Protein backbone atom coordinates (compact mmCIF):
# COMPACT_ATOMS: atom_id res chain seq x y z
CA UNK A 1 -20.61 37.40 -55.39
CA UNK A 2 -18.63 35.51 -53.23
CA UNK A 3 -21.19 37.43 -50.55
CA UNK A 4 -24.15 36.59 -51.87
CA UNK A 5 -23.22 33.00 -52.21
CA UNK A 6 -21.98 32.43 -48.65
CA UNK A 7 -25.64 34.14 -47.50
CA UNK A 8 -27.43 32.00 -50.04
CA UNK A 9 -25.85 28.64 -48.35
CA UNK A 10 -26.08 29.76 -44.65
CA UNK A 11 -30.12 30.56 -45.63
CA UNK A 12 -29.93 26.87 -47.15
CA UNK A 13 -28.74 25.29 -44.43
CA UNK A 14 -31.21 26.90 -41.64
CA UNK A 15 -33.82 26.00 -44.15
CA UNK A 16 -32.82 22.48 -44.25
CA UNK A 17 -32.68 22.26 -40.29
CA UNK A 18 -36.24 23.95 -40.06
CA UNK A 19 -37.56 21.46 -42.77
CA UNK A 20 -36.09 18.61 -40.97
CA UNK A 21 -37.46 19.99 -37.64
CA UNK A 22 -41.08 20.48 -38.99
CA UNK A 23 -40.76 16.85 -40.87
CA UNK A 24 -40.03 15.54 -37.30
CA UNK A 25 -42.90 17.28 -35.25
CA UNK A 26 -45.55 16.22 -38.38
CA UNK A 27 -43.92 12.39 -37.67
CA UNK A 28 -45.23 12.95 -34.10
CA UNK A 29 -42.40 13.87 -32.77
CA UNK A 30 -42.58 16.88 -30.07
CA UNK A 31 -40.15 19.83 -29.56
CA UNK A 32 -39.20 18.89 -25.96
CA UNK A 33 -38.31 15.70 -27.55
CA UNK A 34 -36.03 17.49 -30.27
CA UNK A 35 -33.99 20.07 -28.27
CA UNK A 36 -35.63 19.24 -24.58
CA UNK A 37 -32.44 18.29 -22.25
CA UNK A 38 -32.68 14.78 -23.27
CA UNK A 39 -34.07 15.51 -26.74
CA UNK A 40 -32.51 14.12 -30.38
CA UNK A 41 -30.40 17.56 -30.34
CA UNK A 42 -29.31 17.80 -27.12
CA UNK A 43 -27.82 13.99 -27.31
CA UNK A 44 -26.27 14.41 -30.17
CA UNK A 45 -24.07 17.33 -28.64
CA UNK A 46 -23.58 15.08 -26.15
CA UNK A 47 -21.99 11.96 -28.08
CA UNK A 48 -19.87 14.33 -30.00
CA UNK A 49 -18.41 15.60 -26.95
CA UNK A 50 -18.30 12.13 -25.51
CA UNK A 51 -16.30 11.33 -29.06
CA UNK A 52 -14.31 14.26 -28.61
CA UNK A 53 -13.02 13.50 -24.95
CA UNK A 54 -12.42 9.73 -26.58
CA UNK A 55 -10.09 11.26 -29.35
CA UNK A 56 -8.47 13.44 -26.18
CA UNK A 57 -7.81 10.73 -23.69
CA UNK A 58 -6.60 8.33 -26.80
CA UNK A 59 -3.88 11.48 -27.88
CA UNK A 60 -2.51 10.97 -23.86
CA UNK A 61 -2.48 7.43 -24.03
CA UNK A 62 -0.01 7.54 -26.96
CA UNK A 63 1.84 10.51 -25.60
CA UNK A 64 2.29 7.90 -22.60
CA UNK A 65 3.19 5.02 -24.66
CA UNK A 66 5.45 7.43 -26.52
CA UNK A 67 7.18 8.67 -23.29
CA UNK A 68 7.37 4.92 -22.00
CA UNK A 69 9.26 3.84 -24.86
CA UNK A 70 11.70 6.47 -24.53
CA UNK A 71 13.40 4.88 -20.80
CA UNK A 72 15.40 2.46 -20.28
CA UNK A 73 13.19 -0.50 -19.14
CA UNK A 74 10.18 0.77 -21.44
CA UNK A 75 8.08 1.59 -18.35
CA UNK A 76 9.48 4.56 -16.47
CA UNK A 77 7.73 7.77 -16.99
CA UNK A 78 10.34 10.71 -17.21
CA UNK A 79 8.05 14.10 -16.72
CA UNK A 80 10.07 15.61 -19.45
CA UNK A 81 9.88 13.08 -21.97
CA UNK A 82 6.01 12.84 -21.49
CA UNK A 83 5.62 16.54 -21.60
CA UNK A 84 7.48 16.62 -24.71
CA UNK A 85 5.01 14.45 -26.37
CA UNK A 86 2.30 15.51 -24.96
CA UNK A 87 2.57 18.79 -26.82
CA UNK A 88 3.20 16.68 -30.00
CA UNK A 89 -0.33 15.09 -29.68
CA UNK A 90 -2.82 17.83 -27.79
CA UNK A 91 -3.95 21.28 -29.77
CA UNK A 92 -4.95 22.47 -26.30
CA UNK A 93 -2.97 24.47 -23.54
CA UNK A 94 -2.13 22.16 -20.31
CA UNK A 95 -0.29 21.59 -17.17
CA UNK A 96 1.87 18.37 -16.33
CA UNK A 97 1.93 17.60 -12.54
CA UNK A 98 4.31 15.18 -11.24
CA UNK A 99 2.99 13.64 -7.95
CA UNK A 100 6.81 12.79 -7.35
CA UNK A 101 5.81 8.70 -6.76
CA UNK A 102 5.65 7.48 -10.56
CA UNK A 103 2.07 9.13 -11.29
CA UNK A 104 1.11 12.55 -12.99
CA UNK A 105 -1.99 14.85 -13.29
CA UNK A 106 -2.54 16.63 -16.50
CA UNK A 107 -4.86 19.60 -16.83
CA UNK A 108 -6.20 20.59 -19.81
CA UNK A 109 -7.18 24.61 -19.94
CA UNK A 110 -7.26 24.31 -16.56
CA UNK A 111 -10.85 22.77 -16.66
CA UNK A 112 -10.59 19.41 -17.76
CA UNK A 113 -8.19 16.74 -15.31
CA UNK A 114 -6.66 13.47 -16.29
CA UNK A 115 -4.44 11.14 -14.30
CA UNK A 116 -1.84 9.12 -15.36
CA UNK A 117 -0.67 5.97 -12.83
CA UNK A 118 2.68 4.90 -12.71
CA UNK A 119 1.80 1.76 -14.87
CA UNK A 120 0.67 4.36 -17.47
CA UNK A 121 -2.85 3.79 -16.88
CA UNK A 122 -4.76 7.11 -18.25
CA UNK A 123 -7.73 7.82 -16.12
CA UNK A 124 -10.54 10.57 -16.69
CA UNK A 125 -11.81 13.01 -14.39
CA UNK A 126 -15.29 11.29 -14.39
CA UNK A 127 -13.31 8.64 -12.37
CA UNK A 128 -11.44 10.50 -10.14
CA UNK A 129 -12.42 11.69 -6.72
CA UNK A 130 -10.50 14.63 -4.90
CA UNK A 131 -10.50 14.90 -1.35
CA UNK A 132 -9.26 17.81 0.51
CA UNK A 133 -11.83 17.93 3.57
CA UNK A 134 -12.59 15.87 6.24
CA UNK A 135 -16.02 15.83 5.38
CA UNK A 136 -15.00 14.52 1.65
CA UNK A 137 -12.71 12.05 3.33
CA UNK A 138 -15.87 10.79 5.58
CA UNK A 139 -17.97 10.87 2.64
CA UNK A 140 -15.84 8.48 0.69
CA UNK A 141 -15.63 6.17 3.45
CA UNK A 142 -19.49 6.45 3.93
CA UNK A 143 -19.84 5.36 0.26
CA UNK A 144 -17.25 2.53 0.33
CA UNK A 145 -18.96 0.94 3.73
CA UNK A 146 -22.30 1.33 1.81
CA UNK A 147 -20.98 -0.91 -0.42
CA UNK A 148 -19.34 0.84 -3.13
CA UNK A 149 -15.59 -0.41 -3.71
CA UNK A 150 -14.36 2.02 -6.14
CA UNK A 151 -13.28 -0.53 -8.78
CA UNK A 152 -11.78 1.16 -11.52
CA UNK A 153 -11.63 4.91 -9.76
CA UNK A 154 -8.94 6.94 -8.53
CA UNK A 155 -9.14 8.88 -5.32
CA UNK A 156 -6.52 11.49 -4.55
CA UNK A 157 -5.67 13.39 -1.66
CA UNK A 158 -5.24 17.02 -2.12
CA UNK A 159 -4.01 18.32 0.86
CA UNK A 160 -3.47 17.56 4.52
CA UNK A 161 -6.13 16.76 6.43
CA UNK A 162 -6.34 16.96 10.33
CA UNK A 163 -9.17 14.45 12.13
CA UNK A 164 -10.98 16.41 15.21
CA UNK A 165 -13.05 12.99 15.83
CA UNK A 166 -12.53 9.39 16.20
CA UNK A 167 -12.24 7.84 13.10
CA UNK A 168 -14.00 4.67 11.91
CA UNK A 169 -12.06 2.69 9.09
CA UNK A 170 -12.57 2.49 5.54
CA UNK A 171 -13.92 -0.83 4.89
CA UNK A 172 -15.96 -3.02 6.89
CA UNK A 173 -15.41 -6.40 8.06
CA UNK A 174 -17.71 -8.83 10.26
CA UNK A 175 -18.33 -12.46 10.24
CA UNK A 176 -20.87 -12.24 7.48
CA UNK A 177 -19.65 -8.99 5.51
CA UNK A 178 -16.66 -8.26 3.76
CA UNK A 179 -16.39 -4.72 2.55
CA UNK A 180 -12.70 -3.91 1.01
CA UNK A 181 -11.70 -0.49 -1.05
CA UNK A 182 -10.69 -2.06 -4.24
CA UNK A 183 -9.70 1.53 -6.11
CA UNK A 184 -6.70 3.59 -6.15
CA UNK A 185 -5.95 6.17 -3.35
CA UNK A 186 -3.12 7.96 -4.20
CA UNK A 187 -2.58 10.53 -1.15
CA UNK A 188 0.44 12.42 -3.23
CA UNK A 189 2.55 12.50 -0.10
CA UNK A 190 -0.07 14.45 1.97
CA UNK A 191 -0.72 13.57 5.80
CA UNK A 192 -4.24 12.16 7.47
CA UNK A 193 -3.19 13.83 10.62
CA UNK A 194 -4.79 12.80 14.60
CA UNK A 195 -5.96 9.30 13.01
CA UNK A 196 -7.70 8.22 16.72
CA UNK A 197 -8.98 4.98 16.95
CA UNK A 198 -10.41 3.29 20.51
CA UNK A 199 -11.81 0.35 19.82
CA UNK A 200 -10.00 -2.66 21.62
CA UNK A 201 -12.80 -5.22 21.28
CA UNK A 202 -13.38 -4.62 17.31
CA UNK A 203 -11.05 -6.16 14.62
CA UNK A 204 -9.79 -4.61 11.29
CA UNK A 205 -8.73 -1.37 12.29
CA UNK A 206 -6.80 1.44 10.64
CA UNK A 207 -7.48 4.18 7.80
CA UNK A 208 -8.85 1.10 6.12
CA UNK A 209 -10.62 -2.00 7.58
CA UNK A 210 -9.93 -3.89 4.31
CA UNK A 211 -8.07 -3.42 1.22
CA UNK A 212 -9.12 -5.80 -1.88
CA UNK A 213 -6.79 -7.11 -4.20
CA UNK A 214 -7.15 -4.69 -7.15
CA UNK A 215 -6.44 -2.17 -4.95
CA UNK A 216 -3.94 0.35 -4.68
CA UNK A 217 -2.75 2.62 -2.00
CA UNK A 218 0.42 4.95 -2.20
CA UNK A 219 2.04 8.14 -1.02
CA UNK A 220 0.01 8.55 2.34
CA UNK A 221 1.46 9.23 5.87
CA UNK A 222 -1.07 8.59 9.28
CA UNK A 223 -0.47 10.07 12.68
CA UNK A 224 -2.28 9.37 15.77
CA UNK A 225 -2.93 6.52 17.95
CA UNK A 226 -4.58 3.18 17.22
CA UNK A 227 -6.05 0.49 19.28
CA UNK A 228 -8.23 -2.50 17.97
CA UNK A 229 -8.48 -5.95 18.76
CA UNK A 230 -7.12 -8.59 15.79
CA UNK A 231 -6.08 -7.21 12.51
CA UNK A 232 -4.70 -3.53 13.44
CA UNK A 233 -2.11 -1.58 11.17
CA UNK A 234 -1.53 1.84 10.55
CA UNK A 235 -2.72 1.89 6.66
CA UNK A 236 -4.67 -0.97 7.16
CA UNK A 237 -6.14 -4.04 9.24
CA UNK A 238 -6.04 -6.51 6.51
CA UNK A 239 -4.73 -6.14 2.95
CA UNK A 240 -4.69 -8.04 -0.23
CA UNK A 241 -3.82 -5.72 -2.95
CA UNK A 242 -0.68 -3.00 -3.11
CA UNK A 243 0.23 -0.31 -0.62
CA UNK A 244 3.50 1.89 -1.45
CA UNK A 245 5.11 4.80 -0.36
CA UNK A 246 3.52 5.12 2.98
CA UNK A 247 3.92 5.61 6.31
CA UNK A 248 2.58 5.30 9.67
CA UNK A 249 3.66 7.68 12.69
CA UNK A 250 0.68 6.42 14.53
CA UNK A 251 0.91 4.39 17.76
CA UNK A 252 -0.47 1.16 16.83
CA UNK A 253 -1.63 -1.07 19.94
CA UNK A 254 -3.96 -4.15 20.56
CA UNK A 255 -4.40 -5.76 23.89
CA UNK A 256 -6.61 -8.91 22.52
CA UNK A 257 -5.14 -11.82 24.43
CA UNK A 258 -6.34 -14.81 22.91
CA UNK A 259 -4.14 -17.29 20.81
CA UNK A 260 -4.98 -16.86 17.68
CA UNK A 261 -2.87 -14.28 15.54
CA UNK A 262 -4.12 -10.75 16.70
CA UNK A 263 -1.90 -9.39 13.94
CA UNK A 264 -0.33 -5.82 14.53
CA UNK A 265 1.64 -3.92 12.41
CA UNK A 266 3.07 -0.32 11.41
CA UNK A 267 1.82 -0.52 8.04
CA UNK A 268 -0.86 -3.79 7.52
CA UNK A 269 -1.69 -6.00 10.29
CA UNK A 270 -2.77 -9.28 8.23
CA UNK A 271 -0.50 -9.05 4.79
CA UNK A 272 -2.29 -11.79 2.41
CA UNK A 273 -0.53 -12.31 -1.31
CA UNK A 274 -0.07 -8.58 -0.95
CA UNK A 275 2.67 -6.43 -1.95
CA UNK A 276 3.96 -3.81 0.38
CA UNK A 277 7.15 -1.32 -0.91
CA UNK A 278 8.76 1.49 -0.06
CA UNK A 279 7.11 2.18 3.38
CA UNK A 280 8.15 3.23 7.03
CA UNK A 281 6.83 2.92 10.38
CA UNK A 282 7.90 5.40 13.14
CA UNK A 283 5.16 4.64 15.69
CA UNK A 284 5.18 2.89 18.65
CA UNK A 285 4.10 -1.04 18.56
CA UNK A 286 2.74 -2.68 21.06
CA UNK A 287 0.67 -5.98 21.67
CA UNK A 288 0.33 -8.71 23.86
CA UNK A 289 -0.66 -11.66 21.15
CA UNK A 290 0.87 -13.33 18.42
CA UNK A 291 2.25 -11.45 14.84
CA UNK A 292 3.66 -8.45 15.80
CA UNK A 293 5.90 -6.27 13.42
CA UNK A 294 7.09 -2.69 12.57
CA UNK A 295 5.87 -2.88 9.06
CA UNK A 296 3.48 -6.04 8.40
CA UNK A 297 2.22 -8.04 11.95
CA UNK A 298 1.87 -11.43 9.92
CA UNK A 299 2.57 -11.76 5.80
CA UNK A 300 0.84 -14.96 4.24
CA UNK A 301 2.24 -14.70 0.56
CA UNK A 302 3.29 -11.55 -1.21
CA UNK A 303 6.22 -9.05 -0.96
CA UNK A 304 8.03 -6.83 1.63
CA UNK A 305 10.66 -4.54 -0.15
CA UNK A 306 12.63 -1.41 0.32
CA UNK A 307 10.69 -0.63 4.25
CA UNK A 308 11.89 -0.09 7.30
CA UNK A 309 11.04 0.49 10.80
CA UNK A 310 12.63 3.14 13.15
CA UNK A 311 10.31 2.73 16.35
CA UNK A 312 10.44 0.51 19.77
CA UNK A 313 8.21 -2.86 18.76
CA UNK A 314 6.97 -4.42 22.82
CA UNK A 315 5.31 -7.42 22.94
CA UNK A 316 3.78 -7.28 26.86
CA UNK A 317 4.27 -10.49 29.01
CA UNK A 318 0.61 -11.39 29.18
CA UNK A 319 0.76 -14.45 26.27
CA UNK A 320 4.05 -16.48 26.94
CA UNK A 321 3.97 -17.66 22.79
CA UNK A 322 3.91 -14.95 19.56
CA UNK A 323 6.28 -13.64 16.98
CA UNK A 324 6.97 -10.19 17.25
CA UNK A 325 9.82 -8.41 14.71
CA UNK A 326 11.36 -5.02 13.43
CA UNK A 327 9.75 -5.58 9.92
CA UNK A 328 7.25 -8.88 10.09
CA UNK A 329 6.13 -11.17 12.80
CA UNK A 330 5.48 -13.81 10.96
CA UNK A 331 6.26 -14.47 7.40
CA UNK A 332 5.02 -17.41 5.41
CA UNK A 333 5.75 -17.99 1.55
CA UNK A 334 6.52 -14.32 1.50
CA UNK A 335 9.77 -12.70 -0.01
CA UNK A 336 11.67 -10.12 2.09
CA UNK A 337 14.51 -7.84 1.03
CA UNK A 338 16.16 -4.54 1.05
CA UNK A 339 14.80 -3.42 4.77
CA UNK A 340 15.95 -2.56 7.90
CA UNK A 341 15.15 -2.14 11.40
CA UNK A 342 16.37 0.57 13.74
CA UNK A 343 14.07 0.49 16.54
CA UNK A 344 14.41 -1.76 19.69
CA UNK A 345 12.57 -4.90 19.65
CA UNK A 346 11.45 -6.10 23.13
CA UNK A 347 9.46 -9.32 23.47
CA UNK A 348 8.57 -12.34 25.70
CA UNK A 349 7.41 -14.53 22.79
CA UNK A 350 8.17 -17.89 21.10
CA UNK A 351 10.39 -16.58 18.26
CA UNK A 352 11.93 -12.27 18.38
CA UNK A 353 14.11 -10.69 15.50
CA UNK A 354 15.20 -7.94 14.64
CA UNK A 355 13.46 -8.36 10.87
CA UNK A 356 11.31 -11.27 11.04
CA UNK A 357 10.09 -13.11 14.10
CA UNK A 358 9.38 -16.61 12.40
CA UNK A 359 10.38 -17.29 8.87
CA UNK A 360 8.65 -20.58 7.58
CA UNK A 361 7.36 -22.32 4.07
CA UNK A 362 9.03 -20.91 1.35
CA UNK A 363 10.36 -17.27 2.71
CA UNK A 364 12.85 -15.60 1.02
CA UNK A 365 15.07 -12.99 2.96
CA UNK A 366 17.74 -11.08 1.35
CA UNK A 367 19.59 -8.04 1.83
CA UNK A 368 18.69 -6.67 5.14
CA UNK A 369 20.24 -5.40 8.39
CA UNK A 370 19.32 -4.71 12.17
CA UNK A 371 20.96 -2.01 13.86
CA UNK A 372 18.42 -2.10 17.12
CA UNK A 373 18.69 -4.14 20.13
CA UNK A 374 16.94 -7.43 20.29
CA UNK A 375 15.66 -8.54 24.22
CA UNK A 376 13.71 -11.43 24.32
CA UNK A 377 13.05 -15.22 25.76
CA UNK A 378 13.39 -17.79 23.56
CA UNK A 379 14.49 -18.26 19.72
CA UNK A 380 15.98 -14.44 19.65
CA UNK A 381 17.96 -13.87 16.38
CA UNK A 382 19.05 -10.55 15.24
CA UNK A 383 17.58 -10.96 11.86
CA UNK A 384 15.41 -13.93 12.25
CA UNK A 385 14.03 -15.34 15.74
CA UNK A 386 13.32 -18.71 14.17
CA UNK A 387 13.18 -20.91 10.36
CA UNK A 388 11.71 -23.51 9.69
CA UNK A 389 10.62 -25.26 6.29
CA UNK A 390 12.08 -24.14 2.94
CA UNK A 391 13.65 -20.95 3.92
CA UNK A 392 16.31 -18.89 2.37
CA UNK A 393 18.70 -15.84 4.10
CA UNK A 394 20.99 -14.39 2.78
CA UNK A 395 23.15 -10.90 2.52
CA UNK A 396 21.77 -10.13 5.75
CA UNK A 397 23.48 -9.07 8.49
CA UNK A 398 23.07 -7.76 12.34
CA UNK A 399 25.31 -5.14 14.27
CA UNK A 400 24.19 -5.00 17.99
CA UNK A 401 23.65 -7.05 21.12
CA UNK A 402 21.27 -9.97 21.32
CA UNK A 403 19.88 -11.35 24.00
CA UNK A 404 17.66 -14.08 25.44
CA UNK A 405 16.70 -16.81 27.25
CA UNK A 406 17.49 -19.88 24.89
CA UNK A 407 18.33 -20.22 21.26
CA UNK A 408 19.81 -16.71 20.89
CA UNK A 409 22.27 -15.82 17.72
CA UNK A 410 23.56 -12.88 15.85
CA UNK A 411 21.49 -14.01 12.70
CA UNK A 412 19.04 -16.74 13.48
CA UNK A 413 17.95 -17.83 16.67
CA UNK A 414 16.49 -21.16 16.74
CA UNK A 415 15.71 -23.48 13.67
CA UNK A 416 12.88 -25.93 12.93
CA UNK A 417 11.92 -28.46 10.42
CA UNK A 418 15.47 -27.97 9.09
CA UNK A 419 14.46 -29.13 5.20
CA UNK A 420 16.01 -26.66 2.76
CA UNK A 421 16.90 -24.31 4.75
CA UNK A 422 20.18 -22.09 3.35
CA UNK A 423 21.85 -19.11 5.27
CA UNK A 424 24.49 -17.69 3.05
CA UNK A 425 26.85 -14.42 3.41
CA UNK A 426 25.42 -13.18 6.60
CA UNK A 427 27.40 -11.47 9.48
CA UNK A 428 26.98 -10.67 13.10
CA UNK A 429 28.65 -7.55 14.95
CA UNK A 430 28.42 -7.80 18.75
CA UNK A 431 27.63 -9.55 21.59
CA UNK A 432 25.13 -12.80 22.24
CA UNK A 433 23.87 -13.03 25.71
CA UNK A 434 21.78 -16.24 26.98
CA UNK A 435 20.72 -17.82 30.05
CA UNK A 436 21.51 -21.35 29.17
CA UNK A 437 24.83 -20.79 27.72
CA UNK A 438 25.31 -23.74 26.24
CA UNK A 439 22.56 -22.24 24.14
CA UNK A 440 24.14 -19.44 22.48
CA UNK A 441 25.09 -19.63 18.77
CA UNK A 442 26.75 -17.52 16.06
CA UNK A 443 24.53 -18.53 13.85
CA UNK A 444 21.82 -21.08 13.87
CA UNK A 445 21.38 -21.24 17.85
CA UNK A 446 20.87 -24.51 19.08
CA UNK A 447 20.00 -27.37 16.61
CA UNK A 448 19.98 -30.84 16.19
CA UNK A 449 20.13 -30.45 12.35
CA UNK A 450 22.66 -30.01 9.62
CA UNK A 451 21.95 -26.65 8.00
CA UNK A 452 23.13 -25.08 4.90
CA UNK A 453 25.65 -22.38 5.61
CA UNK A 454 28.22 -20.88 3.62
CA UNK A 455 30.19 -17.64 3.99
CA UNK A 456 28.73 -16.60 7.11
CA UNK A 457 31.10 -14.86 10.06
CA UNK A 458 30.72 -13.35 13.68
CA UNK A 459 32.73 -10.49 14.67
CA UNK A 460 33.15 -9.50 18.01
């Protein structure tokens, strides 16, 4: 009896569906409109799948929030915690990959992919671009330069890539146009090798020409040789976004001589309110103009933290002015902390330091040290070449020889506009040599001003 009921039910449902289709056709709707690629039934199936995807994404989001709540600061995601919470939420089999930078990849049934950013944002596969070849990287570059800024999209570098031809940067800037990358680019700790740029007359040169305010660049290393005019860097010529855990091993060169801040850096040429964290430079920086640094050439606002330079910084004698340093050439309204320099700095400019060339306008420098030789002209310091206007330096030390012509010091070479300048808990170990002996200073160089200085020492 039960089998008969089931069969009758099945027949009844089939009859109902057939009846509905017949009525639709009688109403003037064609078969293709019902069952075609864009037909009613097909669209209903798509809606069902989209609903299922949304539900799946929501489950992953719940797992992420639950794993964050398990952490001490309610932000950091632990793989074991996340894996446990995903098991509670998902019915399907999944594989969780820790990208070792705070982000994760989830593969559902070895097919569907989700990306979880360090902040916990869950990104669906439709918003993920996987790059694993030169051709795919070039395609990304061409799409960005054609006007697609990749907002709300994630680019994943799935493997090391070695370029064989000269590179044109991702993004484009000229006098009338600014095209910036505004998505998230995660290198997954892979390298882009042999990035060669030889454009001595062009500005905004690097892997990226310009990085926008909403962009996040992480876990990528570049090698090769990069030559440009103004705003030249290994990762980006110009940055307003976030750059984290990136490395430059390319030599960066600018022969631009005009006194208009060429801005040359190992990671970024010119940083404007951007945040640079956990980055390093191992490529030689060679420039003739203003604002040259191992990590950043010039920074107006933003933060530079947990970074180091381990390569020579050379500012040639073509232009007598300019600021050069192991970390940041010129820093204005910028917080710089937990950084160090171990690359020799040689310059013929107006301000040269182991960490910063010129620090001004409310810049904060904390927990820094220099262990490389500094040889320069005027305003030469083991940590900072010159300070001016509302600057603070604390908990820093220099442990190497410093030499120059005038205003030479183990910590701060010269001081201009001394309002609200504070120097505390800073130390210098080593010799200080200058052409004009009366301009040698332990800390502060020659200055006619009284400045706040506390718990600072010189150990010979």
